[in-house]
Amino acid sequence: MKANAPKAYGVSFVCNAVMAAAMPVLAEYMVLDTVAQALKLAVLVFGGFVGPVGLVNNFYSDLPIGAWLLDGAYQFINLVLMAVIVALWL
C-alpha cells in the first residue's frame, strides 16, 4: 500500500472533488436554505447511494463489517460537511 499511496491519495482527491461539484447541483434541485435541509440531503445521498454501494463492495471483498462502518462513517461525515457548506454558500 505504501508504494500506491500517492496514487490512492490522487484518486481520493479527484473523487471527492467530483462529489463536491455534484453537491451544489443536487442542492439547487432541492432548494436548500437551512442546515437541517443540508443534513437531509447528506442522509439521502449516503443512505440511497454511497452506503449501499459501499456495503455491497464490502461483502465482495471479504472484509469485516467494521471496515464498512469505518469507511461509511468517513463518507457520511464528508457528505454532511459538503452539504452544510453548500447550503450556507448558496
Foldseek 3Di string as FASTA:
>chain_A
DVVCVVVVVVVVVVVLVVVLVVLLVVCVVVVQQDLVVLLVVLCCCLVVPVLVVLVVVCVVVVDDVVVSVVVSVVSSVSSSVSSNVSNVVD
